[in-house]
C-alpha atoms as a PDB file:
ATOM      1  CA  MET A   1      -2.772  13.685  24.203  1.00  0.00           C
ATOM      2  CA  HIS A   2      -1.793  17.368  23.435  1.00  0.00           C
ATOM      3  CA  GLY A   3      -1.777  18.782  20.042  1.00  0.00           C
ATOM      4  CA  THR A   4       1.767  18.712  19.429  1.00  0.00           C
ATOM      5  CA  ALA A   5       4.404  16.340  17.603  1.00  0.00           C
ATOM      6  CA  GLU A   6       6.506  16.715  20.846  1.00  0.00           C
ATOM      7  CA  ALA A   7       3.522  15.361  23.409  1.00  0.00           C
ATOM      8  CA  ASN A   8       3.135  12.406  20.801  1.00  0.00           C
ATOM      9  CA  ALA A   9       6.958  11.766  21.124  1.00  0.00           C
ATOM     10  CA  ARG A  10       6.712  11.618  24.886  1.00  0.00           C
ATOM     11  CA  GLN A  11       3.861   9.311  24.894  1.00  0.00           C
ATOM     12  CA  ALA A  12       4.280   7.013  22.045  1.00  0.00           C
ATOM     13  CA  PRO A  13       7.393   4.809  21.691  1.00  0.00           C
ATOM     14  CA  THR A  14       9.655   5.193  18.664  1.00  0.00           C
ATOM     15  CA  SER A  15       8.567   2.476  16.050  1.00  0.00           C
ATOM     16  CA  ASP A  16       8.428   1.389  12.551  1.00  0.00           C
ATOM     17  CA  HIS A  17       5.801   4.023  12.059  1.00  0.00           C
ATOM     18  CA  PHE A  18       6.831   6.868  14.722  1.00  0.00           C
ATOM     19  CA  ASP A  19      10.010   8.694  14.501  1.00  0.00           C
ATOM     20  CA  GLY A  20       9.963  10.400  17.784  1.00  0.00           C
ATOM     21  CA  ARG A  21       8.318  13.648  15.856  1.00  0.00           C
ATOM     22  CA  GLN A  22       5.891  12.257  13.619  1.00  0.00           C
ATOM     23  CA  PHE A  23       4.006   9.099  12.277  1.00  0.00           C
ATOM     24  CA  PHE A  24       4.934   7.835   9.086  1.00  0.00           C
ATOM     25  CA  ASN A  25       3.841   4.988   6.596  1.00  0.00           C
ATOM     26  CA  PRO A  26       6.699   1.987   6.676  1.00  0.00           C
ATOM     27  CA  HIS A  27       6.174   1.210   2.919  1.00  0.00           C
ATOM     28  CA  SER A  28       5.667   4.365   1.628  1.00  0.00           C
ATOM     29  CA  PRO A  29       6.779   8.087   1.698  1.00  0.00           C
ATOM     30  CA  ILE A  30       5.507  10.362   4.263  1.00  0.00           C
ATOM     31  CA  GLY A  31       3.155  12.429   1.974  1.00  0.00           C
ATOM     32  CA  LYS A  32       2.929  14.602  -0.939  1.00  0.00           C
ATOM     33  CA  SER A  33       5.150  17.980  -1.222  1.00  0.00           C
ATOM     34  CA  ARG A  34       3.148  21.374  -1.253  1.00  0.00           C
ATOM     35  CA  ARG A  35       4.580  21.486  -4.768  1.00  0.00           C
ATOM     36  CA  GLU A  36       2.560  18.340  -5.716  1.00  0.00           C
ATOM     37  CA  VAL A  37      -0.448  19.673  -4.152  1.00  0.00           C
ATOM     38  CA  ARG A  38      -0.445  22.741  -5.992  1.00  0.00           C
ATOM     39  CA  GLN A  39       0.199  20.884  -9.241  1.00  0.00           C
ATOM     40  CA  TRP A  40      -2.749  18.727  -8.725  1.00  0.00           C
ATOM     41  CA  GLN A  41      -5.119  21.903  -7.973  1.00  0.00           C
ATOM     42  CA  ARG A  42      -3.686  23.605 -10.907  1.00  0.00           C
ATOM     43  CA  SER A  43      -4.003  20.436 -13.421  1.00  0.00           C
ATOM     44  CA  ARG A  44      -7.779  19.085 -12.020  1.00  0.00           C
ATOM     45  CA  ARG A  45      -9.740  17.615 -14.232  1.00  0.00           C
ATOM     46  CA  LYS A  46     -12.979  17.309 -12.024  1.00  0.00           C
ATOM     47  CA  ALA A  47     -15.618  15.074 -13.714  1.00  0.00           C
ATOM     48  CA  PRO A  48     -19.074  16.613 -13.364  1.00  0.00           C
ATOM     49  CA  TRP A  49     -20.889  15.234 -10.390  1.00  0.00           C
ATOM     50  CA  PRO A  50     -24.977  15.890  -9.994  1.00  0.00           C
ATOM     51  CA  GLU A  51     -25.649  18.449  -7.032  1.00  0.00           C
ATOM     52  CA  HIS A  52     -27.896  16.121  -5.574  1.00  0.00           C
ATOM     53  CA  ILE A  53     -29.273  12.470  -5.928  1.00  0.00           C
ATOM     54  CA  GLU A  54     -32.330  10.952  -4.185  1.00  0.00           C
ATOM     55  CA  ASP A  55     -32.065   7.401  -3.377  1.00  0.00           C
ATOM     56  CA  PRO A  56     -34.494   4.787  -2.499  1.00  0.00           C
ATOM     57  CA  LYS A  57     -35.579   4.344   1.025  1.00  0.00           C
ATOM     58  CA  PHE A  58     -34.585   1.629   3.047  1.00  0.00           C
ATOM     59  CA  PRO A  59     -36.302   0.202   6.245  1.00  0.00           C
ATOM     60  CA  PRO A  60     -34.246   1.415   9.487  1.00  0.00           C
ATOM     61  CA  PRO A  61     -32.192  -1.123  10.934  1.00  0.00           C
ATOM     62  CA  GLN A  62     -33.257  -3.143  13.809  1.00  0.00           C
ATOM     63  CA  ARG A  63     -31.462  -4.958  16.434  1.00  0.00           C
ATOM     64  CA  THR A  64     -29.647  -7.862  15.202  1.00  0.00           C
ATOM     65  CA  ALA A  65     -29.863 -11.307  16.755  1.00  0.00           C
ATOM     66  CA  ARG A  66     -26.635 -11.881  18.985  1.00  0.00           C
ATOM     67  CA  ASP A  67     -25.405 -14.669  16.633  1.00  0.00           C
ATOM     68  CA  MET A  68     -25.890 -12.737  13.561  1.00  0.00           C
ATOM     69  CA  LEU A  69     -23.962  -9.844  12.030  1.00  0.00           C
ATOM     70  CA  SER A  70     -25.072  -6.823  10.052  1.00  0.00           C
ATOM     71  CA  ALA A  71     -23.960  -3.635   8.349  1.00  0.00           C
ATOM     72  CA  THR A  72     -25.938  -0.608   7.303  1.00  0.00           C
ATOM     73  CA  PHE A  73     -24.350   1.559   5.003  1.00  0.00           C
ATOM     74  CA  ILE A  74     -25.074   5.365   5.852  1.00  0.00           C
ATOM     75  CA  GLY A  75     -22.905   6.776   3.016  1.00  0.00           C
ATOM     76  CA  HIS A  76     -19.568   7.592   2.450  1.00  0.00           C
ATOM     77  CA  SER A  77     -17.459   5.796   5.005  1.00  0.00           C
ATOM     78  CA  THR A  78     -19.926   5.591   7.734  1.00  0.00           C
ATOM     79  CA  PHE A  79     -21.370   2.128   8.722  1.00  0.00           C
ATOM     80  CA  LEU A  80     -23.623   0.898  11.601  1.00  0.00           C
ATOM     81  CA  LEU A  81     -22.452  -2.770  12.138  1.00  0.00           C
ATOM     82  CA  GLN A  82     -23.926  -5.022  14.679  1.00  0.00           C
ATOM     83  CA  ILE A  83     -21.540  -7.858  15.664  1.00  0.00           C
ATOM     84  CA  GLY A  84     -22.447 -10.231  18.212  1.00  0.00           C
ATOM     85  CA  GLY A  85     -25.132  -8.009  19.738  1.00  0.00           C
ATOM     86  CA  VAL A  86     -22.873  -5.078  19.817  1.00  0.00           C
ATOM     87  CA  CYS A  87     -23.920  -2.155  18.064  1.00  0.00           C
ATOM     88  CA  VAL A  88     -20.777  -0.256  16.529  1.00  0.00           C
ATOM     89  CA  LEU A  89     -21.144   3.257  14.647  1.00  0.00           C
ATOM     90  CA  ALA A  90     -17.748   3.708  12.293  1.00  0.00           C
ATOM     91  CA  ASP A  91     -16.311   7.084  11.196  1.00  0.00           C
ATOM     92  CA  PRO A  92     -19.840   8.800  11.411  1.00  0.00           C
ATOM     93  CA  ILE A  93     -20.585  11.702   9.389  1.00  0.00           C
ATOM     94  CA  TRP A  94     -24.008  13.379   9.118  1.00  0.00           C
ATOM     95  CA  SER A  95     -23.227  16.759   8.357  1.00  0.00           C
ATOM     96  CA  GLU A  96     -23.819  18.686   4.886  1.00  0.00           C
ATOM     97  CA  ARG A  97     -20.045  19.267   4.409  1.00  0.00           C
ATOM     98  CA  CYS A  98     -16.853  17.448   5.410  1.00  0.00           C
ATOM     99  CA  SER A  99     -14.887  20.623   6.187  1.00  0.00           C
ATOM    100  CA  PRO A 100     -13.421  22.536   9.343  1.00  0.00           C
ATOM    101  CA  VAL A 101     -16.380  25.268   8.669  1.00  0.00           C
ATOM    102  CA  ALA A 102     -20.311  25.065   7.584  1.00  0.00           C
ATOM    103  CA  PHE A 103     -20.253  27.305   4.462  1.00  0.00           C
ATOM    104  CA  ALA A 104     -17.512  25.718   2.480  1.00  0.00           C
ATOM    105  CA  GLY A 105     -15.556  22.734   1.705  1.00  0.00           C
ATOM    106  CA  PRO A 106     -16.823  19.167   0.000  1.00  0.00           C
ATOM    107  CA  ARG A 107     -20.682  19.356   0.019  1.00  0.00           C
ATOM    108  CA  ARG A 108     -22.837  15.837   0.287  1.00  0.00           C
ATOM    109  CA  VAL A 109     -24.769  15.109  -2.900  1.00  0.00           C
ATOM    110  CA  ARG A 110     -26.659  12.402  -0.985  1.00  0.00           C
ATOM    111  CA  ARG A 111     -28.655  12.357   2.007  1.00  0.00           C
ATOM    112  CA  PRO A 112     -27.354  10.164   4.934  1.00  0.00           C
ATOM    113  CA  GLY A 113     -28.904   6.942   3.935  1.00  0.00           C
ATOM    114  CA  GLN A 114     -30.409   6.526   7.699  1.00  0.00           C
ATOM    115  CA  SER A 115     -31.046   9.249  10.168  1.00  0.00           C
ATOM    116  CA  LEU A 116     -29.470   9.366  13.632  1.00  0.00           C
ATOM    117  CA  GLU A 117     -32.550   9.015  15.049  1.00  0.00           C
ATOM    118  CA  ALA A 118     -33.484   5.639  13.100  1.00  0.00           C
ATOM    119  CA  LEU A 119     -30.413   3.872  14.645  1.00  0.00           C
ATOM    120  CA  PRO A 120     -30.768   1.323  17.319  1.00  0.00           C
ATOM    121  CA  SER A 121     -28.547   2.303  20.755  1.00  0.00           C
ATOM    122  CA  VAL A 122     -25.057   2.766  20.047  1.00  0.00           C
ATOM    123  CA  ASP A 123     -22.671   0.908  21.937  1.00  0.00           C
ATOM    124  CA  LEU A 124     -19.318   1.434  20.625  1.00  0.00           C
ATOM    125  CA  LEU A 125     -17.998   4.432  18.746  1.00  0.00           C
ATOM    126  CA  LEU A 126     -14.968   4.037  16.288  1.00  0.00           C
ATOM    127  CA  VAL A 127     -12.935   6.679  14.495  1.00  0.00           C
ATOM    128  CA  THR A 128     -10.109   5.665  12.324  1.00  0.00           C
ATOM    129  CA  HIS A 129      -8.275   8.957  11.728  1.00  0.00           C
ATOM    130  CA  ASN A 130      -8.693  12.842  11.974  1.00  0.00           C
ATOM    131  CA  HIS A 131      -9.705  14.034   8.505  1.00  0.00           C
ATOM    132  CA  TYR A 132     -13.211  15.788   8.281  1.00  0.00           C
ATOM    133  CA  ASP A 133     -14.712  13.268   6.351  1.00  0.00           C
ATOM    134  CA  HIS A 134     -13.974  10.672   9.100  1.00  0.00           C
ATOM    135  CA  MET A 135     -14.016  12.639  12.020  1.00  0.00           C
ATOM    136  CA  ASP A 136     -16.784  15.049  11.939  1.00  0.00           C
ATOM    137  CA  LEU A 137     -17.139  16.845  15.392  1.00  0.00           C
ATOM    138  CA  PRO A 138     -20.964  17.992  14.914  1.00  0.00           C
ATOM    139  CA  THR A 139     -21.857  14.345  14.344  1.00  0.00           C
ATOM    140  CA  LEU A 140     -19.781  13.204  17.010  1.00  0.00           C
ATOM    141  CA  ARG A 141     -21.604  15.768  19.558  1.00  0.00           C
ATOM    142  CA  GLU A 142     -24.902  14.272  18.639  1.00  0.00           C
ATOM    143  CA  VAL A 143     -23.769  11.107  18.928  1.00  0.00           C
ATOM    144  CA  GLN A 144     -22.243  11.499  22.348  1.00  0.00           C
ATOM    145  CA  ALA A 145     -25.252  13.393  23.376  1.00  0.00           C
ATOM    146  CA  ARG A 146     -27.858  10.758  22.122  1.00  0.00           C
ATOM    147  CA  TRP A 147     -25.835   7.620  23.576  1.00  0.00           C
ATOM    148  CA  GLN A 148     -22.536   8.147  25.034  1.00  0.00           C
ATOM    149  CA  PRO A 149     -21.096   5.176  23.725  1.00  0.00           C
ATOM    150  CA  CYS A 150     -17.410   3.656  24.519  1.00  0.00           C
ATOM    151  CA  ALA A 151     -14.966   5.272  21.829  1.00  0.00           C
ATOM    152  CA  VAL A 152     -11.950   3.918  20.544  1.00  0.00           C
ATOM    153  CA  THR A 153      -9.210   5.838  17.962  1.00  0.00           C
ATOM    154  CA  GLY A 154      -5.749   6.030  17.153  1.00  0.00           C
ATOM    155  CA  LEU A 155      -3.063   7.839  18.953  1.00  0.00           C
ATOM    156  CA  GLY A 156      -3.224  11.475  19.317  1.00  0.00           C
ATOM    157  CA  ASN A 157      -6.790  11.761  18.246  1.00  0.00           C
ATOM    158  CA  ALA A 158      -8.764  11.714  21.567  1.00  0.00           C
ATOM    159  CA  ARG A 159      -8.066  15.509  22.138  1.00  0.00           C
ATOM    160  CA  HIS A 160      -9.949  15.888  18.866  1.00  0.00           C
ATOM    161  CA  LEU A 161     -12.806  13.734  19.904  1.00  0.00           C
ATOM    162  CA  ALA A 162     -12.695  15.806  23.606  1.00  0.00           C
ATOM    163  CA  LYS A 163     -14.015  19.010  21.742  1.00  0.00           C
ATOM    164  CA  ALA A 164     -17.215  16.710  20.717  1.00  0.00           C
ATOM    165  CA  GLY A 165     -17.493  16.222  24.502  1.00  0.00           C
ATOM    166  CA  ILE A 166     -16.096  12.409  23.936  1.00  0.00           C
ATOM    167  CA  ARG A 167     -13.503  12.662  27.121  1.00  0.00           C
ATOM    168  CA  SER A 168     -12.940   9.249  27.637  1.00  0.00           C
ATOM    169  CA  ALA A 169     -11.928   7.783  24.303  1.00  0.00           C
ATOM    170  CA  ILE A 170      -9.298   4.952  24.325  1.00  0.00           C
ATOM    171  CA  GLU A 171      -6.331   5.828  21.830  1.00  0.00           C
ATOM    172  CA  LEU A 172      -4.729   2.753  20.591  1.00  0.00           C
ATOM    173  CA  ASP A 173      -1.283   2.156  18.485  1.00  0.00           C
ATOM    174  CA  TRP A 174      -1.203  -0.272  15.725  1.00  0.00           C
ATOM    175  CA  TRP A 175      -1.614  -3.839  16.752  1.00  0.00           C
ATOM    176  CA  GLN A 176      -3.120  -2.878  20.276  1.00  0.00           C
ATOM    177  CA  SER A 177      -6.494  -3.941  21.593  1.00  0.00           C
ATOM    178  CA  THR A 178      -8.862  -3.222  24.194  1.00  0.00           C
ATOM    179  CA  GLU A 179     -12.105  -4.760  25.405  1.00  0.00           C
ATOM    180  CA  LEU A 180     -15.130  -2.826  26.069  1.00  0.00           C
ATOM    181  CA  ALA A 181     -18.818  -2.744  25.318  1.00  0.00           C
ATOM    182  CA  GLY A 182     -18.696  -6.772  24.766  1.00  0.00           C
ATOM    183  CA  ALA A 183     -16.139  -6.571  21.781  1.00  0.00           C
ATOM    184  CA  ARG A 184     -12.230  -6.936  21.432  1.00  0.00           C
ATOM    185  CA  VAL A 185     -11.190  -3.909  19.236  1.00  0.00           C
ATOM    186  CA  THR A 186      -7.711  -4.045  17.586  1.00  0.00           C
ATOM    187  CA  TYR A 187      -6.408  -0.950  15.570  1.00  0.00           C
ATOM    188  CA  VAL A 188      -4.795  -2.015  12.405  1.00  0.00           C
ATOM    189  CA  PRO A 189      -2.098  -0.562  10.192  1.00  0.00           C
ATOM    190  CA  ALA A 190      -3.212   1.464   7.154  1.00  0.00           C
ATOM    191  CA  GLN A 191      -1.133   3.556   4.678  1.00  0.00           C
ATOM    192  CA  HIS A 192      -2.170   6.866   4.961  1.00  0.00           C
ATOM    193  CA  PHE A 193      -1.785  10.361   6.807  1.00  0.00           C
ATOM    194  CA  SER A 194      -3.326  12.746   9.400  1.00  0.00           C
ATOM    195  CA  SER A 195      -3.942  16.644   9.596  1.00  0.00           C
ATOM    196  CA  ARG A 196      -6.940  18.839  10.491  1.00  0.00           C
ATOM    197  CA  GLY A 197      -4.825  22.142  10.031  1.00  0.00           C
ATOM    198  CA  LEU A 198      -1.717  23.915   8.479  1.00  0.00           C
ATOM    199  CA  HIS A 199       0.751  22.748  11.156  1.00  0.00           C
ATOM    200  CA  ASP A 200      -0.181  19.158  12.599  1.00  0.00           C
ATOM    201  CA  ARG A 201       0.433  16.776   9.823  1.00  0.00           C
ATOM    202  CA  ASN A 202       0.796  13.420  10.736  1.00  0.00           C
ATOM    203  CA  HIS A 203       1.020  14.272  14.632  1.00  0.00           C
ATOM    204  CA  CYS A 204      -1.896  11.677  14.860  1.00  0.00           C
ATOM    205  CA  LEU A 205      -2.021   8.196  14.195  1.00  0.00           C
ATOM    206  CA  TRP A 206      -4.354   6.871  11.444  1.00  0.00           C
ATOM    207  CA  GLY A 207      -5.433   3.028  10.894  1.00  0.00           C
ATOM    208  CA  GLY A 208      -8.277   0.645  10.703  1.00  0.00           C
ATOM    209  CA  PHE A 209     -10.100  -1.683  13.261  1.00  0.00           C
ATOM    210  CA  VAL A 210     -10.663  -5.425  13.681  1.00  0.00           C
ATOM    211  CA  ILE A 211     -13.951  -6.134  16.035  1.00  0.00           C
ATOM    212  CA  GLU A 212     -14.414  -9.257  17.289  1.00  0.00           C
ATOM    213  CA  ALA A 213     -17.707 -10.144  19.393  1.00  0.00           C
ATOM    214  CA  ARG A 214     -19.151 -13.635  19.903  1.00  0.00           C
ATOM    215  CA  GLY A 215     -16.933 -15.404  17.551  1.00  0.00           C
ATOM    216  CA  ALA A 216     -17.930 -12.976  14.533  1.00  0.00           C
ATOM    217  CA  VAL A 217     -15.144 -10.909  13.111  1.00  0.00           C
ATOM    218  CA  VAL A 218     -15.352  -7.729  11.300  1.00  0.00           C
ATOM    219  CA  TYR A 219     -12.646  -5.472   9.698  1.00  0.00           C
ATOM    220  CA  PHE A 220     -13.100  -1.649   9.076  1.00  0.00           C
ATOM    221  CA  ALA A 221     -10.494  -0.272   6.724  1.00  0.00           C
ATOM    222  CA  GLY A 222     -10.685   3.413   7.175  1.00  0.00           C
ATOM    223  CA  ASP A 223      -8.705   4.882   4.414  1.00  0.00           C
ATOM    224  CA  SER A 224      -5.322   3.238   2.855  1.00  0.00           C
ATOM    225  CA  GLY A 225      -3.187   2.920  -0.007  1.00  0.00           C
ATOM    226  CA  TYR A 226      -2.596  -0.404  -1.269  1.00  0.00           C
ATOM    227  CA  CYS A 227       0.224  -1.931   0.607  1.00  0.00           C
ATOM    228  CA  PRO A 228       1.378  -5.191   2.768  1.00  0.00           C
ATOM    229  CA  HIS A 229      -0.531  -4.205   5.631  1.00  0.00           C
ATOM    230  CA  PHE A 230      -3.612  -5.862   4.509  1.00  0.00           C
ATOM    231  CA  ALA A 231      -1.841  -9.205   3.823  1.00  0.00           C
ATOM    232  CA  GLU A 232      -0.482  -8.994   7.388  1.00  0.00           C
ATOM    233  CA  ILE A 233      -4.015  -8.116   8.581  1.00  0.00           C
ATOM    234  CA  GLY A 234      -5.385 -11.235   6.989  1.00  0.00           C
ATOM    235  CA  ARG A 235      -2.779 -13.334   8.553  1.00  0.00           C
ATOM    236  CA  ARG A 236      -3.031 -12.273  11.876  1.00  0.00           C
ATOM    237  CA  PHE A 237      -6.826 -12.493  11.818  1.00  0.00           C
ATOM    238  CA  PRO A 238      -7.611 -15.544   9.454  1.00  0.00           C
ATOM    239  CA  ARG A 239     -11.271 -15.708   9.678  1.00  0.00           C
ATOM    240  CA  ILE A 240     -12.717 -12.076   8.950  1.00  0.00           C
ATOM    241  CA  ASP A 241     -16.397 -12.584   8.255  1.00  0.00           C
ATOM    242  CA  LEU A 242     -16.951  -9.173   6.645  1.00  0.00           C
ATOM    243  CA  ALA A 243     -14.283  -6.564   5.392  1.00  0.00           C
ATOM    244  CA  LEU A 244     -15.548  -2.819   4.819  1.00  0.00           C
ATOM    245  CA  ILE A 245     -12.971  -1.457   2.131  1.00  0.00           C
ATOM    246  CA  PRO A 246     -12.625   1.879   0.239  1.00  0.00           C
ATOM    247  CA  ILE A 247     -13.259   1.793  -3.313  1.00  0.00           C
ATOM    248  CA  GLY A 248     -13.505   5.710  -4.028  1.00  0.00           C
ATOM    249  CA  ALA A 249     -11.455   9.068  -4.017  1.00  0.00           C
ATOM    250  CA  TYR A 250      -8.580   7.787  -6.158  1.00  0.00           C
ATOM    251  CA  GLU A 251      -8.113   9.976  -9.253  1.00  0.00           C
ATOM    252  CA  PRO A 252      -5.623  11.145 -10.429  1.00  0.00           C
ATOM    253  CA  ARG A 253      -3.518   8.231  -9.585  1.00  0.00           C
ATOM    254  CA  TRP A 254      -0.071   9.861  -9.674  1.00  0.00           C
ATOM    255  CA  PHE A 255      -1.420  11.734  -6.535  1.00  0.00           C
ATOM    256  CA  MET A 256      -3.885   9.446  -5.028  1.00  0.00           C
ATOM    257  CA  ARG A 257      -2.170   6.537  -5.264  1.00  0.00           C
ATOM    258  CA  GLN A 258      -0.143   6.582  -1.942  1.00  0.00           C
ATOM    259  CA  HIS A 259      -3.115   6.978   0.138  1.00  0.00           C
ATOM    260  CA  HIS A 260      -6.008   5.673  -1.661  1.00  0.00           C
ATOM    261  CA  VAL A 261      -6.805   2.446  -2.949  1.00  0.00           C
ATOM    262  CA  ASP A 262      -8.503   2.494  -6.561  1.00  0.00           C
ATOM    263  CA  PRO A 263     -11.130  -0.260  -7.386  1.00  0.00           C
ATOM    264  CA  GLU A 264      -8.510  -2.733  -8.859  1.00  0.00           C
ATOM    265  CA  GLU A 265      -6.584  -2.305  -5.837  1.00  0.00           C
ATOM    266  CA  ALA A 266      -9.449  -2.938  -3.436  1.00  0.00           C
ATOM    267  CA  VAL A 267     -10.149  -5.993  -4.794  1.00  0.00           C
ATOM    268  CA  ARG A 268      -6.538  -7.155  -4.380  1.00  0.00           C
ATOM    269  CA  ALA A 269      -6.792  -6.115  -0.837  1.00  0.00           C
ATOM    270  CA  HIS A 270      -9.866  -8.282  -0.587  1.00  0.00           C
ATOM    271  CA  LEU A 271      -7.872 -11.247  -2.060  1.00  0.00           C
ATOM    272  CA  ASP A 272      -4.941 -10.520   0.618  1.00  0.00           C
ATOM    273  CA  LEU A 273      -7.450 -10.067   3.695  1.00  0.00           C
ATOM    274  CA  LYS A 274      -9.095 -13.411   2.800  1.00  0.00           C
ATOM    275  CA  PRO A 275     -12.571 -12.213   4.292  1.00  0.00           C
ATOM    276  CA  ARG A 276     -15.693 -14.283   3.783  1.00  0.00           C
ATOM    277  CA  ARG A 277     -17.380 -11.102   2.268  1.00  0.00           C
ATOM    278  CA  SER A 278     -16.471  -7.441   1.403  1.00  0.00           C
ATOM    279  CA  LEU A 279     -18.413  -4.308   1.039  1.00  0.00           C
ATOM    280  CA  GLY A 280     -17.143  -1.101  -0.620  1.00  0.00           C
ATOM    281  CA  MET A 281     -17.195   2.339   1.086  1.00  0.00           C
ATOM    282  CA  HIS A 282     -15.718   5.878   0.724  1.00  0.00           C
ATOM    283  CA  PHE A 283     -17.565   6.538  -2.442  1.00  0.00           C
ATOM    284  CA  GLY A 284     -20.599   8.525  -3.947  1.00  0.00           C
ATOM    285  CA  THR A 285     -21.262  11.234  -1.377  1.00  0.00           C
ATOM    286  CA  PHE A 286     -18.489  13.918  -1.214  1.00  0.00           C
ATOM    287  CA  GLN A 287     -16.605  14.801  -4.367  1.00  0.00           C
ATOM    288  CA  LEU A 288     -13.111  14.658  -2.899  1.00  0.00           C
ATOM    289  CA  THR A 289     -11.241  13.760  -5.842  1.00  0.00           C
ATOM    290  CA  ASP A 290     -11.382  13.832  -9.841  1.00  0.00           C
ATOM    291  CA  GLU A 291     -13.418  10.676 -10.839  1.00  0.00           C
ATOM    292  CA  ALA A 292     -16.733  10.497 -11.776  1.00  0.00           C
ATOM    293  CA  ILE A 293     -19.618   9.610  -9.271  1.00  0.00           C
ATOM    294  CA  ASP A 294     -20.607   6.288 -10.691  1.00  0.00           C
ATOM    295  CA  ALA A 295     -16.768   5.325 -11.618  1.00  0.00           C
ATOM    296  CA  PRO A 296     -16.041   3.293  -8.181  1.00  0.00           C
ATOM    297  CA  VAL A 297     -18.933   1.143  -8.364  1.00  0.00           C
ATOM    298  CA  LEU A 298     -18.298   0.364 -12.221  1.00  0.00           C
ATOM    299  CA  ALA A 299     -14.712   0.056 -11.764  1.00  0.00           C
ATOM    300  CA  LEU A 300     -15.308  -2.371  -8.987  1.00  0.00           C
ATOM    301  CA  ARG A 301     -17.430  -4.653 -11.130  1.00  0.00           C
ATOM    302  CA  GLN A 302     -14.851  -4.792 -13.850  1.00  0.00           C
ATOM    303  CA  ALA A 303     -11.682  -5.510 -11.160  1.00  0.00           C
ATOM    304  CA  ARG A 304     -14.026  -8.054  -9.570  1.00  0.00           C
ATOM    305  CA  ALA A 305     -14.429  -9.953 -13.200  1.00  0.00           C
ATOM    306  CA  ARG A 306     -10.803  -9.921 -13.956  1.00  0.00           C
ATOM    307  CA  ALA A 307      -9.830 -11.338 -10.601  1.00  0.00           C
ATOM    308  CA  GLY A 308     -12.555 -13.886 -10.600  1.00  0.00           C
ATOM    309  CA  VAL A 309     -14.200 -12.438  -7.352  1.00  0.00           C
ATOM    310  CA  ALA A 310     -18.055 -13.167  -7.292  1.00  0.00           C
ATOM    311  CA  GLU A 311     -20.511 -10.387  -6.819  1.00  0.00           C
ATOM    312  CA  GLN A 312     -21.811 -11.546  -3.339  1.00  0.00           C
ATOM    313  CA  ASP A 313     -18.123 -11.881  -2.346  1.00  0.00           C
ATOM    314  CA  PHE A 314     -17.395  -8.125  -2.756  1.00  0.00           C
ATOM    315  CA  ASP A 315     -20.485  -6.094  -3.325  1.00  0.00           C
ATOM    316  CA  VAL A 316     -21.759  -2.472  -2.505  1.00  0.00           C
ATOM    317  CA  LEU A 317     -24.825  -1.639  -0.469  1.00  0.00           C
ATOM    318  CA  GLY A 318     -27.267   1.208  -1.271  1.00  0.00           C
ATOM    319  CA  PHE A 319     -27.370   4.278   0.931  1.00  0.00           C
ATOM    320  CA  GLY A 320     -29.339   3.339   3.848  1.00  0.00           C
ATOM    321  CA  GLU A 321     -29.434  -0.331   2.875  1.00  0.00           C
ATOM    322  CA  THR A 322     -28.821  -3.222   5.613  1.00  0.00           C
ATOM    323  CA  ARG A 323     -27.552  -6.516   5.321  1.00  0.00           C
ATOM    324  CA  GLU A 324     -27.414  -9.006   7.618  1.00  0.00           C
ATOM    325  CA  TYR A 325     -25.098 -12.386   7.416  1.00  0.00           C
ATOM    326  CA  THR A 326     -24.970 -15.525   9.496  1.00  0.00           C
ATOM    327  CA  ALA A 327     -21.861 -16.521  11.332  1.00  0.00           C
ATOM    328  CA  ALA A 328     -20.639 -18.475   7.891  1.00  0.00           C
ATOM    329  CA  GLY A 329     -20.952 -15.314   6.196  1.00  0.00           C
ATOM    330  CA  HIS A 330     -24.091 -15.848   4.164  1.00  0.00           C
ATOM    331  CA  ASP A 331     -26.261 -12.941   3.426  1.00  0.00           C
ATOM    332  CA  ILE A 332     -29.857 -12.968   4.725  1.00  0.00           C
ATOM    333  CA  PRO A 333     -31.535 -11.831   1.101  1.00  0.00           C
ATOM    334  CA  SER A 334     -34.759 -10.410   2.924  1.00  0.00           C
ATOM    335  CA  LEU A 335     -33.120  -7.230   4.068  1.00  0.00           C
ATOM    336  CA  ASP A 336     -31.708  -6.468   0.692  1.00  0.00           C
ATOM    337  CA  VAL A 337     -35.057  -4.954  -0.727  1.00  0.00           C
ATOM    338  CA  PRO A 338     -35.817  -1.239  -0.576  1.00  0.00           C
ATOM    339  CA  GLY A 339     -38.587   0.087   1.680  1.00  0.00           C
ATOM    340  CA  ILE A 340     -41.406   2.034   0.608  1.00  0.00           C
END
C-alpha cells in the first residue's frame, strides 16, 4: 500500500474507523492537537529513571511442546510466543533506541531479556502498528534475514515492512483473519493512533492480534486506551488462554488516557476480556512518558488487589523470563526461576 491517505482510501472501505481519508477511533477523538502536545512538553515533570538496570539472566527459551503454550518477555512490548507448536514474534525491538534515528530518541535502560540468537526459529511475525517502539526496522531486517517468517500487520503498514526486506506481509483490517504458519491470526481493534513522520498521521491502521493454534488462543493487545473494544474481543473470543496487556506509558493522564491504559484500566481490560491468564507489557524499558520506572508494576499490584484479581491471574514476567502454560491455563513453575 502506498504512503498516502488517498492510497488508503482507494484500498480500504469506508467504515466505522475509516472515513475515506484517515483511520480514526470510533469511541474517542482522533488525537491530541499540536497545542496540547506543546502544552505537555512545556509542563512535563518526568520522574527520574536510572540510566541502566542489570536484570537477572534467564535461560533461553526452548521449543515448547505442541500441546503447550509459552510466553517469553524480551522487554517493552516484545514477546516470543509459542502457541500450539507455532513460534510467534510480536512487535520486536532489539535496538538501543526507539526512534527514526540511531543518535537520538528514547534509549533503553534494560538490555533485551534474550538475544535474537537465543530464540528458536520464528515462524510468524506480528506488527501491531507503525510507532517506532513497535515497528523497529533495524530489528525487522535482522528477523527477516535470520528466519524469513510469515508476517501480518494492519492496513497500510506493509509498505514500511518492505523497507526492512519484508515484502510479502499480509495486511488486515479489524476483525479480518488469515491462516498461515499453522495458525489463524485475527487483527482486532485498539484505541490508539499511527504516525512515523509529520505528514502521515492515521494513514495506517493500529490494532492487536488474536492468535489461535491447536486449540490455544492468545490475545496480544499492542497499544490501546481503555474502550469497549476489550469487551467485544472477549465476546468474540470467549476462551482466551493468555492475554498480553500494556500497563505502562500512561502519565500524565489528561494527555495519555485516550491512547494508553494505566494499570487500573489494564485490570478492567483483563476483566472485560476474561482470559485465563494475563501478562503485563509496555513498561520498564524506554522512558516514553512521565511515570517512574517501577510505577506500572506497583500500580498493577494495587489495582489487582482492589479488583480482587489474583496475582497468578494477571502478572508480569522478568525481562527474559519464559513461562509455560497447559491448555487449561495453568503455569508451569519450573520455568519461572532465573538462570545463572
